[in-house]
Protein backbone atom coordinates (compact mmCIF):
# COMPACT_ATOMS: atom_id res chain seq x y z
CA MET A 1 183.20 73.48 119.78
CA GLY A 2 180.12 71.97 118.20
CA LYS A 3 178.96 68.42 118.25
CA SER A 4 179.37 66.25 115.18
CA THR A 5 178.12 62.84 114.21
CA THR A 6 180.62 60.00 114.49
CA PRO A 7 180.76 57.00 112.13
CA CYS A 8 178.69 55.07 114.70
CA GLY A 9 176.01 57.74 114.61
CA SER A 10 176.56 59.08 118.13
CA LYS A 11 177.41 62.67 118.95
CA SER A 12 181.03 63.54 119.58
CA THR A 13 182.40 66.42 121.63
CA SER A 14 186.05 65.42 121.23
CA LYS A 15 188.85 67.86 120.52
CA PRO A 16 189.97 68.52 116.94
CA THR A 17 192.06 65.89 115.23
CA ALA A 18 195.71 65.72 116.31
CA LYS A 19 198.12 66.61 113.52
CA SER A 20 201.36 64.85 112.71
CA THR A 21 204.28 67.15 112.00
CA SER A 22 206.48 64.47 110.43
CA GLN A 23 206.55 63.11 106.92
CA PHE A 24 207.61 59.78 108.45
CA PHE A 25 204.76 59.53 111.00
CA PRO A 26 201.56 58.96 108.96
CA GLN A 27 198.60 61.06 110.08
CA ASN A 28 196.35 58.02 110.64
CA LEU A 29 198.94 56.35 112.88
CA TYR A 30 199.58 59.60 114.77
CA GLN A 31 195.85 60.05 115.38
CA ARG A 32 195.45 56.43 116.47
CA MET A 33 198.26 56.80 119.00
CA SER A 34 196.79 60.07 120.27
CA ASP A 35 193.36 58.45 120.67
CA ASP A 36 194.81 55.37 122.40
CA LEU A 37 196.71 57.54 124.88
CA HIS A 38 193.54 59.52 125.55
CA LEU A 39 191.55 56.31 126.12
CA THR A 40 194.09 55.12 128.70
CA GLY A 41 193.61 58.32 130.67
CA LYS A 42 196.93 59.98 129.91
CA ALA A 43 197.03 63.72 130.59
CA GLU A 44 197.25 66.04 127.59
CA ARG A 45 200.81 67.06 128.44
CA THR A 46 201.83 63.39 128.69
CA ARG A 47 200.16 62.58 125.36
CA LYS A 48 201.97 65.47 123.67
CA GLY A 49 205.28 64.32 125.13
CA TYR A 50 204.80 60.74 123.94
CA LEU A 51 203.74 61.89 120.48
CA ARG A 52 206.72 64.25 120.30
CA ALA A 53 209.09 61.42 121.29
CA VAL A 54 207.71 59.06 118.63
CA THR A 55 207.86 61.87 116.06
CA GLN A 56 211.54 62.41 116.91
CA LEU A 57 212.15 58.66 116.63
CA SER A 58 210.46 58.57 113.21
CA ASN A 59 212.44 61.55 111.98
CA TYR A 60 215.73 60.10 113.21
CA CYS A 61 215.10 56.71 111.59
CA ARG A 62 213.35 58.24 108.57
CA GLN A 63 210.64 55.58 108.81
CA SER A 64 207.11 55.20 110.05
CA PRO A 65 206.94 53.96 113.67
CA ASP A 66 205.12 50.81 112.56
CA GLN A 67 208.08 49.89 110.31
CA LEU A 68 210.85 50.25 112.90
CA THR A 69 213.02 47.33 113.88
CA GLU A 70 214.62 46.52 117.22
CA ASP A 71 218.00 47.50 115.76
CA LEU A 72 216.73 50.95 114.73
CA LEU A 73 215.27 51.52 118.19
CA ARG A 74 218.58 50.52 119.76
CA ARG A 75 220.47 52.95 117.50
CA PHE A 76 218.06 55.74 118.41
CA PHE A 77 218.54 55.13 122.13
CA LEU A 78 222.33 55.10 121.66
CA HIS A 79 222.02 58.40 119.78
CA LEU A 80 220.01 59.90 122.66
CA LYS A 81 222.50 58.67 125.25
CA ASN A 82 225.80 59.31 123.46
CA GLU A 83 225.11 62.32 121.24
CA ARG A 84 222.26 64.11 122.99
CA HIS A 85 223.50 63.19 126.49
CA PHE A 86 220.14 62.02 127.84
CA ALA A 87 220.20 60.59 131.36
CA TYR A 88 219.48 56.87 131.65
CA GLY A 89 216.21 57.65 133.41
CA SER A 90 215.05 59.69 130.42
CA LEU A 91 215.47 56.89 127.89
């Protein structure tokens, strides 16, 4: 992986850009979340899990994560619990 110049002019050795797989999770928001999780020291597997969960949420609600309401989140959690049979600790 080669180095490239960032907008600030410094060299970057970061991994390739993360790609959203959902039409409801805009690429710029997906990348921002991925970067923020990386900055907080989350492991790659954890980051992928969080991004997958938010992608599933977006797909279920058919909306971008930044447009979701408390009611939509509540409905999604009820769906996970009642229809997908998630354990309480997994919600």
